[in-house]
């Protein structure tokens, strides 16, 4: 009987502590969201960090913090948060879109393209923004290809120029050394 009462008290205390944690996390999470809406991203991140320490398994907090990092152009940190969310909720196209945009800004075009294609295929409402980024990726890849071709052409011209210089040098050696040597040898032998 005594152990049953102790177990019951422990269970009640556990539920009470969890309820406090939920209230505490919500306070910090709501404050972080409010700061994001006000555009105070630097102030929002510590609030969201505290909420994550209290409730580390709630992916929406990571999503909000990732959004704040995006606004601060801390794309690597944003990607880590978005990865965490997508591990728990892979169907969240909004997060996949945000991660694709972060990859784009880090010039990780292939990863960005994968995420944005997935968004365009799965969510018609978000496909407009994804299609804009995909078009930019296509343009960036075209520019990189053209740049690559120009570099290759430049290298070809450099190699051709070096070949011509070596050919001119051989001609100079022939005309400045071999021809005079042959001439003087002929003169010497006929004298």
N, C-alpha and C. Protein backbone atom coordinates (compact mmCIF):
# COMPACT_ATOMS: atom_id res chain seq x y z
N UNK A 1 0.82 -1.18 0.00
CA UNK A 1 0.00 0.00 0.00
C UNK A 1 0.87 1.27 0.00
N UNK A 2 1.90 1.22 0.84
CA UNK A 2 2.79 2.37 0.96
C UNK A 2 3.53 2.61 -0.37
N UNK A 3 3.97 1.53 -1.03
CA UNK A 3 4.67 1.67 -2.30
C UNK A 3 3.73 2.18 -3.39
N UNK A 4 2.49 1.77 -3.33
CA UNK A 4 1.51 2.24 -4.31
C UNK A 4 1.30 3.74 -4.18
N UNK A 5 1.27 4.22 -2.97
CA UNK A 5 1.10 5.67 -2.74
C UNK A 5 2.34 6.42 -3.25
N UNK A 6 3.51 5.87 -2.98
CA UNK A 6 4.75 6.51 -3.44
C UNK A 6 4.79 6.56 -4.97
N UNK A 7 4.42 5.46 -5.61
CA UNK A 7 4.39 5.42 -7.08
C UNK A 7 3.39 6.44 -7.61
N UNK A 8 2.22 6.50 -6.98
CA UNK A 8 1.19 7.45 -7.40
C UNK A 8 1.68 8.88 -7.26
N UNK A 9 2.34 9.19 -6.16
CA UNK A 9 2.87 10.55 -5.94
C UNK A 9 3.93 10.87 -7.00
N UNK A 10 4.81 9.89 -7.29
CA UNK A 10 5.85 10.11 -8.31
C UNK A 10 5.23 10.37 -9.68
N UNK A 11 4.20 9.61 -10.01
CA UNK A 11 3.54 9.79 -11.29
C UNK A 11 2.91 11.18 -11.37
N UNK A 12 2.24 11.60 -10.31
CA UNK A 12 1.61 12.92 -10.28
C UNK A 12 2.66 14.03 -10.38
N UNK A 13 3.78 13.87 -9.68
CA UNK A 13 4.86 14.87 -9.76
C UNK A 13 5.45 14.93 -11.17
N UNK A 14 5.61 13.78 -11.80
CA UNK A 14 6.14 13.74 -13.16
C UNK A 14 5.23 14.49 -14.11
N UNK A 15 3.92 14.23 -14.01
CA UNK A 15 2.98 14.94 -14.87
C UNK A 15 2.99 16.45 -14.59
N UNK A 16 3.11 16.82 -13.32
CA UNK A 16 3.15 18.24 -12.96
C UNK A 16 4.40 18.91 -13.53
N UNK A 17 5.54 18.21 -13.46
CA UNK A 17 6.78 18.78 -13.99
C UNK A 17 6.72 18.89 -15.51
N UNK A 18 6.15 17.88 -16.16
CA UNK A 18 6.03 17.96 -17.62
C UNK A 18 5.11 19.10 -18.02
N UNK A 19 4.05 19.31 -17.28
CA UNK A 19 3.14 20.41 -17.59
C UNK A 19 3.88 21.74 -17.44
N UNK A 20 4.74 21.85 -16.40
CA UNK A 20 5.52 23.07 -16.23
C UNK A 20 6.48 23.26 -17.39
N UNK A 21 7.10 22.16 -17.84
CA UNK A 21 8.02 22.27 -18.97
C UNK A 21 7.29 22.74 -20.22
N UNK A 22 6.09 22.24 -20.44
CA UNK A 22 5.32 22.65 -21.62
C UNK A 22 5.02 24.14 -21.53
N UNK A 23 4.62 24.59 -20.36
CA UNK A 23 4.32 26.01 -20.20
C UNK A 23 5.59 26.86 -20.36
N UNK A 24 6.70 26.37 -19.80
CA UNK A 24 7.97 27.12 -19.91
C UNK A 24 8.44 27.18 -21.35
N UNK A 25 8.39 26.04 -22.05
CA UNK A 25 8.85 26.04 -23.44
C UNK A 25 7.96 26.94 -24.28
N UNK A 26 6.64 26.89 -24.06
CA UNK A 26 5.72 27.69 -24.86
C UNK A 26 5.98 29.18 -24.65
N UNK A 27 6.34 29.55 -23.43
CA UNK A 27 6.63 30.95 -23.15
C UNK A 27 7.81 31.43 -24.01
N UNK A 28 8.87 30.64 -24.03
CA UNK A 28 10.06 31.03 -24.81
C UNK A 28 9.79 30.93 -26.32
N UNK A 29 9.09 29.88 -26.72
CA UNK A 29 8.80 29.70 -28.14
C UNK A 29 7.91 30.84 -28.65
N UNK A 30 6.87 31.16 -27.90
CA UNK A 30 5.97 32.25 -28.31
C UNK A 30 6.71 33.59 -28.36
N UNK A 31 7.58 33.81 -27.38
CA UNK A 31 8.36 35.05 -27.35
C UNK A 31 9.30 35.10 -28.57
N UNK A 32 9.92 33.96 -28.90
CA UNK A 32 10.79 33.90 -30.08
C UNK A 32 10.02 34.16 -31.36
N UNK A 33 8.85 33.58 -31.48
CA UNK A 33 8.02 33.81 -32.67
C UNK A 33 7.61 35.27 -32.79
N UNK A 34 7.26 35.87 -31.66
CA UNK A 34 6.86 37.28 -31.67
C UNK A 34 8.03 38.15 -32.12
N UNK A 35 9.22 37.84 -31.64
CA UNK A 35 10.40 38.61 -32.05
C UNK A 35 10.70 38.42 -33.54
N UNK A 36 10.46 37.23 -34.05
CA UNK A 36 10.64 36.99 -35.49
C UNK A 36 9.66 37.85 -36.28
N UNK A 37 8.42 37.89 -35.83
CA UNK A 37 7.42 38.70 -36.53
C UNK A 37 7.77 40.19 -36.49
N UNK A 38 8.45 40.60 -35.42
CA UNK A 38 8.88 42.00 -35.31
C UNK A 38 10.17 42.27 -36.09
N UNK A 39 10.77 41.20 -36.62
CA UNK A 39 12.01 41.37 -37.38
C UNK A 39 13.25 41.41 -36.50
N UNK A 40 13.13 41.02 -35.25
CA UNK A 40 14.26 41.03 -34.31
C UNK A 40 14.83 39.61 -34.22
N UNK A 41 15.50 39.21 -35.29
CA UNK A 41 15.96 37.83 -35.42
C UNK A 41 17.07 37.50 -34.43
N UNK A 42 17.97 38.44 -34.18
CA UNK A 42 19.05 38.19 -33.22
C UNK A 42 18.50 37.97 -31.81
N UNK A 43 17.43 38.67 -31.47
CA UNK A 43 16.82 38.50 -30.15
C UNK A 43 15.98 37.23 -30.08
N UNK A 44 15.45 36.80 -31.20
CA UNK A 44 14.58 35.63 -31.22
C UNK A 44 15.36 34.34 -31.00
N UNK A 45 16.59 34.29 -31.51
CA UNK A 45 17.35 33.03 -31.46
C UNK A 45 17.62 32.56 -30.03
N UNK A 46 18.05 33.43 -29.09
CA UNK A 46 18.24 32.94 -27.72
C UNK A 46 16.94 32.42 -27.08
N UNK A 47 15.82 33.06 -27.41
CA UNK A 47 14.53 32.59 -26.88
C UNK A 47 14.23 31.18 -27.40
N UNK A 48 14.47 31.00 -28.70
CA UNK A 48 14.21 29.69 -29.30
C UNK A 48 15.21 28.65 -28.80
N UNK A 49 16.45 29.06 -28.55
CA UNK A 49 17.45 28.14 -27.97
C UNK A 49 16.98 27.64 -26.61
N UNK A 50 16.46 28.53 -25.81
CA UNK A 50 15.96 28.14 -24.49
C UNK A 50 14.78 27.18 -24.63
N UNK A 51 13.88 27.47 -25.56
CA UNK A 51 12.74 26.57 -25.78
C UNK A 51 13.22 25.20 -26.23
N UNK A 52 14.28 25.16 -27.04
CA UNK A 52 14.82 23.88 -27.51
C UNK A 52 15.45 23.11 -26.35
N UNK A 53 16.13 23.83 -25.46
CA UNK A 53 16.72 23.13 -24.30
C UNK A 53 15.63 22.49 -23.43
N UNK A 54 14.49 23.16 -23.35
CA UNK A 54 13.40 22.62 -22.53
C UNK A 54 12.68 21.49 -23.27
N UNK A 55 12.40 21.66 -24.56
CA UNK A 55 11.67 20.66 -25.36
C UNK A 55 12.47 20.37 -26.63
N UNK A 56 13.51 19.57 -26.54
CA UNK A 56 14.38 19.36 -27.70
C UNK A 56 13.76 18.50 -28.80
N UNK A 57 12.62 17.89 -28.55
CA UNK A 57 12.03 16.99 -29.54
C UNK A 57 10.88 17.62 -30.29
N UNK A 58 10.69 18.91 -30.16
CA UNK A 58 9.59 19.60 -30.83
C UNK A 58 10.14 20.30 -32.07
N UNK A 59 9.89 19.76 -33.28
CA UNK A 59 10.55 20.27 -34.48
C UNK A 59 10.15 21.67 -34.91
N UNK A 60 8.99 22.15 -34.51
CA UNK A 60 8.56 23.48 -34.94
C UNK A 60 9.50 24.57 -34.41
N UNK A 61 10.07 24.33 -33.24
CA UNK A 61 11.01 25.32 -32.69
C UNK A 61 12.24 25.39 -33.59
N UNK A 62 12.72 24.24 -34.04
CA UNK A 62 13.88 24.22 -34.93
C UNK A 62 13.55 24.91 -36.25
N UNK A 63 12.33 24.72 -36.73
CA UNK A 63 11.91 25.36 -37.97
C UNK A 63 11.94 26.88 -37.80
N UNK A 64 11.42 27.37 -36.69
CA UNK A 64 11.39 28.81 -36.45
C UNK A 64 12.81 29.37 -36.30
N UNK A 65 13.65 28.64 -35.59
CA UNK A 65 15.04 29.10 -35.43
C UNK A 65 15.77 29.08 -36.78
N UNK A 66 15.51 28.06 -37.59
CA UNK A 66 16.11 28.00 -38.92
C UNK A 66 15.68 29.19 -39.77
N UNK A 67 14.42 29.57 -39.65
CA UNK A 67 13.93 30.73 -40.39
C UNK A 67 14.66 32.00 -39.93
N UNK A 68 14.86 32.13 -38.62
CA UNK A 68 15.58 33.30 -38.10
C UNK A 68 17.02 33.32 -38.62
N UNK A 69 17.65 32.14 -38.62
CA UNK A 69 19.01 32.06 -39.17
C UNK A 69 19.04 32.45 -40.65
N UNK A 70 18.02 32.05 -41.38
CA UNK A 70 17.95 32.41 -42.81
C UNK A 70 17.92 33.93 -42.96
N UNK A 71 17.13 34.59 -42.14
CA UNK A 71 17.01 36.04 -42.24
C UNK A 71 18.33 36.74 -41.87
N UNK A 72 19.13 36.09 -41.04
CA UNK A 72 20.43 36.64 -40.65
C UNK A 72 21.55 36.20 -41.58
N UNK A 73 21.18 35.44 -42.62
CA UNK A 73 22.12 34.93 -43.62
C UNK A 73 23.13 33.95 -43.01
N UNK A 74 22.72 33.25 -41.98
CA UNK A 74 23.53 32.18 -41.38
C UNK A 74 22.98 30.86 -41.92
N UNK A 75 23.28 30.65 -43.19
CA UNK A 75 22.64 29.55 -43.92
C UNK A 75 23.07 28.18 -43.43
N UNK A 76 24.33 28.03 -43.01
CA UNK A 76 24.78 26.72 -42.51
C UNK A 76 23.98 26.30 -41.28
N UNK A 77 23.78 27.23 -40.36
CA UNK A 77 23.01 26.92 -39.15
C UNK A 77 21.54 26.66 -39.50
N UNK A 78 21.03 27.41 -40.45
CA UNK A 78 19.64 27.20 -40.87
C UNK A 78 19.46 25.80 -41.45
N UNK A 79 20.43 25.37 -42.25
CA UNK A 79 20.35 24.04 -42.86
C UNK A 79 20.36 22.96 -41.79
N UNK A 80 21.18 23.13 -40.76
CA UNK A 80 21.21 22.14 -39.67
C UNK A 80 19.84 22.03 -39.00
N UNK A 81 19.21 23.17 -38.75
CA UNK A 81 17.87 23.14 -38.14
C UNK A 81 16.84 22.53 -39.07
N UNK A 82 16.90 22.88 -40.35
CA UNK A 82 15.95 22.32 -41.30
C UNK A 82 16.17 20.81 -41.47
N UNK A 83 17.43 20.37 -41.44
CA UNK A 83 17.71 18.93 -41.51
C UNK A 83 17.06 18.21 -40.33
N UNK A 84 17.17 18.81 -39.15
CA UNK A 84 16.58 18.20 -37.95
C UNK A 84 15.06 18.06 -38.10
N UNK A 85 14.44 19.10 -38.60
CA UNK A 85 12.98 19.07 -38.79
C UNK A 85 12.60 18.00 -39.81
N UNK A 86 13.34 17.96 -40.92
CA UNK A 86 12.99 17.00 -41.98
C UNK A 86 13.27 15.56 -41.59
N UNK A 87 14.18 15.34 -40.64
CA UNK A 87 14.38 13.97 -40.14
C UNK A 87 13.13 13.50 -39.40
N UNK A 88 12.51 14.42 -38.68
CA UNK A 88 11.31 14.05 -37.92
C UNK A 88 10.03 14.15 -38.76
N UNK A 89 10.00 15.11 -39.67
CA UNK A 89 8.80 15.33 -40.48
C UNK A 89 9.21 15.55 -41.93
N UNK A 90 9.52 14.48 -42.65
CA UNK A 90 10.02 14.64 -44.03
C UNK A 90 8.98 15.17 -45.01
N UNK A 91 7.75 15.23 -44.63
CA UNK A 91 6.68 15.68 -45.52
C UNK A 91 6.50 17.21 -45.49
N UNK A 92 7.25 17.92 -44.68
CA UNK A 92 7.07 19.37 -44.54
C UNK A 92 7.74 20.10 -45.71
N UNK A 93 6.95 20.42 -46.72
CA UNK A 93 7.50 21.04 -47.92
C UNK A 93 7.99 22.46 -47.66
N UNK A 94 7.38 23.16 -46.73
CA UNK A 94 7.82 24.53 -46.42
C UNK A 94 9.27 24.51 -45.91
N UNK A 95 9.57 23.53 -45.07
CA UNK A 95 10.94 23.41 -44.54
C UNK A 95 11.89 23.00 -45.66
N UNK A 96 11.46 22.09 -46.51
CA UNK A 96 12.30 21.67 -47.64
C UNK A 96 12.57 22.85 -48.58
N UNK A 97 11.56 23.70 -48.78
CA UNK A 97 11.74 24.90 -49.59
C UNK A 97 12.77 25.83 -48.95
N UNK A 98 12.65 26.04 -47.65
CA UNK A 98 13.59 26.91 -46.94
C UNK A 98 15.02 26.35 -47.02
N UNK A 99 15.14 25.03 -46.86
CA UNK A 99 16.47 24.42 -46.94
C UNK A 99 17.04 24.54 -48.35
N UNK A 100 16.19 24.36 -49.36
CA UNK A 100 16.64 24.53 -50.74
C UNK A 100 17.12 25.94 -51.00
N UNK A 101 16.44 26.91 -50.44
CA UNK A 101 16.85 28.31 -50.58
C UNK A 101 18.19 28.55 -49.87
N UNK A 102 18.36 27.95 -48.70
CA UNK A 102 19.62 28.12 -47.97
C UNK A 102 20.78 27.49 -48.75
N UNK A 103 20.54 26.29 -49.29
CA UNK A 103 21.57 25.66 -50.13
C UNK A 103 21.92 26.56 -51.31
N UNK A 104 20.91 27.17 -51.91
CA UNK A 104 21.14 28.05 -53.06
C UNK A 104 22.07 29.20 -52.67
N UNK A 105 21.80 29.81 -51.52
CA UNK A 105 22.60 30.95 -51.09
C UNK A 105 24.03 30.55 -50.70
N UNK A 106 24.24 29.28 -50.42
CA UNK A 106 25.59 28.78 -50.16
C UNK A 106 26.25 28.27 -51.43
N UNK A 107 25.57 28.43 -52.55
CA UNK A 107 26.04 27.98 -53.86
C UNK A 107 26.21 26.46 -53.91
N UNK A 108 25.39 25.75 -53.17
CA UNK A 108 25.34 24.29 -53.23
C UNK A 108 24.15 23.96 -54.13
N UNK A 109 24.37 24.17 -55.42
CA UNK A 109 23.27 24.17 -56.38
C UNK A 109 22.62 22.80 -56.56
N UNK A 110 23.39 21.74 -56.53
CA UNK A 110 22.80 20.41 -56.74
C UNK A 110 21.86 20.04 -55.60
N UNK A 111 22.29 20.30 -54.35
CA UNK A 111 21.42 19.99 -53.21
C UNK A 111 20.18 20.88 -53.23
N UNK A 112 20.39 22.14 -53.58
CA UNK A 112 19.27 23.07 -53.67
C UNK A 112 18.27 22.60 -54.71
N UNK A 113 18.80 22.20 -55.86
CA UNK A 113 17.93 21.74 -56.95
C UNK A 113 17.10 20.53 -56.53
N UNK A 114 17.71 19.59 -55.81
CA UNK A 114 16.97 18.40 -55.35
C UNK A 114 15.80 18.80 -54.46
N UNK A 115 16.08 19.67 -53.48
CA UNK A 115 15.00 20.08 -52.57
C UNK A 115 13.91 20.84 -53.31
N UNK A 116 14.30 21.74 -54.18
CA UNK A 116 13.31 22.58 -54.86
C UNK A 116 12.48 21.78 -55.86
N UNK A 117 13.08 20.80 -56.50
CA UNK A 117 12.30 19.92 -57.39
C UNK A 117 11.29 19.12 -56.58
N UNK A 118 11.72 18.63 -55.41
CA UNK A 118 10.79 17.89 -54.55
C UNK A 118 9.63 18.78 -54.12
N UNK A 119 9.90 20.03 -53.81
CA UNK A 119 8.83 20.96 -53.41
C UNK A 119 7.90 21.22 -54.60
N UNK A 120 8.49 21.48 -55.76
CA UNK A 120 7.68 21.78 -56.94
C UNK A 120 6.78 20.59 -57.31
N UNK A 121 7.29 19.38 -57.12
CA UNK A 121 6.50 18.20 -57.46
C UNK A 121 5.42 17.88 -56.43
N UNK A 122 5.65 18.26 -55.17
CA UNK A 122 4.72 17.82 -54.13
C UNK A 122 3.73 18.89 -53.67
N UNK A 123 4.05 20.16 -53.89
CA UNK A 123 3.19 21.19 -53.34
C UNK A 123 2.96 22.30 -54.37
N UNK A 124 1.86 22.26 -55.09
CA UNK A 124 1.62 23.27 -56.13
C UNK A 124 1.55 24.70 -55.58
N UNK A 125 1.12 24.89 -54.31
CA UNK A 125 1.04 26.24 -53.75
C UNK A 125 2.43 26.85 -53.58
N UNK A 126 3.42 26.05 -53.26
CA UNK A 126 4.77 26.57 -53.05
C UNK A 126 5.64 26.43 -54.29
N UNK A 127 5.09 25.90 -55.35
CA UNK A 127 5.93 25.63 -56.51
C UNK A 127 6.36 26.91 -57.22
N UNK A 128 5.62 28.00 -57.10
CA UNK A 128 5.99 29.24 -57.77
C UNK A 128 7.36 29.72 -57.28
N UNK A 129 7.52 29.79 -55.98
CA UNK A 129 8.80 30.23 -55.42
C UNK A 129 9.91 29.23 -55.75
N UNK A 130 9.59 27.95 -55.67
CA UNK A 130 10.58 26.92 -56.00
C UNK A 130 10.99 27.03 -57.47
N UNK A 131 10.02 27.28 -58.34
CA UNK A 131 10.32 27.41 -59.76
C UNK A 131 11.21 28.62 -60.06
N UNK A 132 11.02 29.69 -59.32
CA UNK A 132 11.88 30.87 -59.50
C UNK A 132 13.32 30.51 -59.14
N UNK A 133 13.49 29.83 -58.01
CA UNK A 133 14.84 29.42 -57.60
C UNK A 133 15.42 28.40 -58.58
N UNK A 134 14.59 27.48 -59.05
CA UNK A 134 15.08 26.49 -60.02
C UNK A 134 15.54 27.17 -61.31
N UNK A 135 14.81 28.21 -61.73
CA UNK A 135 15.23 28.96 -62.92
C UNK A 135 16.57 29.65 -62.67
N UNK A 136 16.74 30.20 -61.48
CA UNK A 136 18.02 30.83 -61.13
C UNK A 136 19.15 29.80 -61.12
N UNK A 137 18.87 28.61 -60.62
CA UNK A 137 19.88 27.55 -60.60
C UNK A 137 20.27 27.19 -62.03
N UNK A 138 19.27 27.07 -62.91
CA UNK A 138 19.55 26.76 -64.31
C UNK A 138 20.46 27.83 -64.92
N UNK A 139 20.15 29.10 -64.65
CA UNK A 139 20.96 30.20 -65.17
C UNK A 139 22.39 30.15 -64.60
N UNK A 140 22.49 29.87 -63.31
CA UNK A 140 23.82 29.79 -62.67
C UNK A 140 24.64 28.66 -63.28
N UNK A 141 23.98 27.53 -63.54
CA UNK A 141 24.69 26.41 -64.14
C UNK A 141 25.12 26.73 -65.57
N UNK A 142 24.26 27.43 -66.30
CA UNK A 142 24.63 27.84 -67.66
C UNK A 142 25.83 28.78 -67.63
N UNK A 143 25.81 29.73 -66.70
CA UNK A 143 26.94 30.65 -66.57
C UNK A 143 28.22 29.91 -66.20
N UNK A 144 28.10 28.95 -65.29
CA UNK A 144 29.27 28.16 -64.89
C UNK A 144 29.80 27.37 -66.08
N UNK A 145 28.88 26.83 -66.89
CA UNK A 145 29.29 26.07 -68.08
C UNK A 145 30.02 26.99 -69.07
N UNK A 146 29.45 28.16 -69.30
CA UNK A 146 30.09 29.12 -70.22
C UNK A 146 31.46 29.53 -69.69
N UNK A 147 31.51 29.80 -68.41
CA UNK A 147 32.78 30.16 -67.78
C UNK A 147 33.80 29.04 -67.94
N UNK A 148 33.35 27.83 -67.74
CA UNK A 148 34.21 26.65 -67.92
C UNK A 148 34.72 26.56 -69.35
N UNK A 149 33.80 26.77 -70.30
CA UNK A 149 34.19 26.72 -71.71
C UNK A 149 35.19 27.82 -72.04
N UNK A 150 34.99 29.00 -71.47
CA UNK A 150 35.92 30.10 -71.71
C UNK A 150 37.29 29.79 -71.12
N UNK A 151 37.30 29.17 -69.94
CA UNK A 151 38.57 28.79 -69.33
C UNK A 151 39.27 27.73 -70.18
N UNK A 152 38.50 26.78 -70.69
CA UNK A 152 39.11 25.76 -71.55
C UNK A 152 39.68 26.38 -72.82
N UNK A 153 38.93 27.30 -73.41
CA UNK A 153 39.41 27.98 -74.62
C UNK A 153 40.67 28.78 -74.32
N UNK A 154 40.69 29.43 -73.17
CA UNK A 154 41.87 30.19 -72.76
C UNK A 154 43.07 29.26 -72.60
N UNK A 155 42.85 28.09 -71.99
CA UNK A 155 43.94 27.12 -71.82
C UNK A 155 44.42 26.61 -73.19
N UNK A 156 43.48 26.35 -74.10
CA UNK A 156 43.87 25.92 -75.45
C UNK A 156 44.72 26.98 -76.14
N UNK A 157 44.29 28.23 -76.03
CA UNK A 157 45.06 29.32 -76.63
C UNK A 157 46.45 29.44 -76.00
N UNK A 158 46.51 29.24 -74.72
CA UNK A 158 47.81 29.30 -74.02
C UNK A 158 48.73 28.19 -74.52
N UNK A 159 48.21 26.97 -74.65
CA UNK A 159 49.00 25.84 -75.13
C UNK A 159 49.46 26.10 -76.57
N UNK A 160 48.55 26.61 -77.40
CA UNK A 160 48.90 26.91 -78.79
C UNK A 160 49.96 28.01 -78.87
N UNK A 161 49.84 29.00 -78.03
CA UNK A 161 50.82 30.09 -77.98
C UNK A 161 52.20 29.55 -77.58
N UNK A 162 52.23 28.67 -76.58
CA UNK A 162 53.51 28.07 -76.15
C UNK A 162 54.10 27.22 -77.27
N UNK A 163 53.25 26.48 -78.00
CA UNK A 163 53.73 25.67 -79.12
C UNK A 163 54.35 26.56 -80.19
N UNK A 164 53.68 27.67 -80.50
CA UNK A 164 54.22 28.60 -81.51
C UNK A 164 55.54 29.22 -81.04
N UNK A 165 55.64 29.52 -79.78
CA UNK A 165 56.89 30.08 -79.26
C UNK A 165 58.03 29.07 -79.38
N UNK A 166 57.74 27.81 -79.08
CA UNK A 166 58.78 26.77 -79.21
C UNK A 166 59.18 26.61 -80.68
N UNK A 167 58.20 26.67 -81.59
CA UNK A 167 58.51 26.56 -83.02
C UNK A 167 59.37 27.73 -83.48
N UNK A 168 59.04 28.94 -83.04
CA UNK A 168 59.86 30.11 -83.40
C UNK A 168 61.28 29.97 -82.85
N UNK A 169 61.37 29.47 -81.64
CA UNK A 169 62.70 29.28 -81.03
C UNK A 169 63.52 28.27 -81.84
N UNK A 170 62.87 27.17 -82.28
CA UNK A 170 63.59 26.18 -83.10
C UNK A 170 64.08 26.83 -84.40
N UNK A 171 63.21 27.63 -85.02
CA UNK A 171 63.61 28.31 -86.26
C UNK A 171 64.78 29.25 -86.01
N UNK A 172 64.74 29.97 -84.91
CA UNK A 172 65.84 30.87 -84.59
C UNK A 172 67.14 30.10 -84.40
N UNK A 173 67.03 28.96 -83.69
CA UNK A 173 68.23 28.14 -83.48
C UNK A 173 68.77 27.67 -84.83
N UNK A 174 67.88 27.24 -85.71
CA UNK A 174 68.32 26.75 -87.03
C UNK A 174 68.96 27.88 -87.82
N UNK A 175 68.30 29.02 -87.91
CA UNK A 175 68.82 30.12 -88.73
C UNK A 175 70.03 30.81 -88.10
N UNK A 176 70.13 30.79 -86.79
CA UNK A 176 71.23 31.49 -86.14
C UNK A 176 72.41 30.57 -85.81
N UNK A 177 72.20 29.28 -85.87
CA UNK A 177 73.30 28.39 -85.51
C UNK A 177 73.62 27.43 -86.64
N UNK A 178 72.67 26.65 -87.06
CA UNK A 178 72.92 25.59 -88.02
C UNK A 178 73.27 26.16 -89.40
N UNK A 179 72.54 27.12 -89.90
CA UNK A 179 72.81 27.67 -91.24
C UNK A 179 74.18 28.35 -91.29
N UNK A 180 74.52 29.22 -90.33
CA UNK A 180 75.86 29.79 -90.38
C UNK A 180 76.95 28.72 -90.25
N UNK A 181 76.72 27.73 -89.42
CA UNK A 181 77.70 26.66 -89.25
C UNK A 181 77.89 25.91 -90.58
N UNK A 182 76.80 25.62 -91.25
CA UNK A 182 76.88 24.92 -92.54
C UNK A 182 77.59 25.80 -93.57
N UNK A 183 77.28 27.10 -93.58
CA UNK A 183 77.91 28.01 -94.53
C UNK A 183 79.42 28.08 -94.31
N UNK A 184 79.81 28.27 -93.08
CA UNK A 184 81.25 28.40 -92.80
C UNK A 184 81.98 27.07 -92.97
N UNK A 185 81.27 26.00 -92.70
CA UNK A 185 81.89 24.69 -92.94
C UNK A 185 82.13 24.50 -94.43
N UNK A 186 81.17 24.87 -95.25
CA UNK A 186 81.30 24.76 -96.71
C UNK A 186 82.43 25.65 -97.21
N UNK A 187 82.51 26.87 -96.73
CA UNK A 187 83.55 27.80 -97.12
C UNK A 187 84.91 27.25 -96.70
N UNK A 188 85.00 26.73 -95.52
CA UNK A 188 86.27 26.23 -95.01
C UNK A 188 86.72 25.00 -95.79
N UNK A 189 85.79 24.12 -96.10
CA UNK A 189 86.16 22.89 -96.81
C UNK A 189 86.51 23.17 -98.28
N UNK A 190 85.93 24.19 -98.85
CA UNK A 190 86.23 24.49 -100.27
C UNK A 190 87.46 25.39 -100.39
N UNK A 191 87.99 25.87 -99.44
CA UNK A 191 89.13 26.77 -99.53
C UNK A 191 90.35 26.04 -99.58
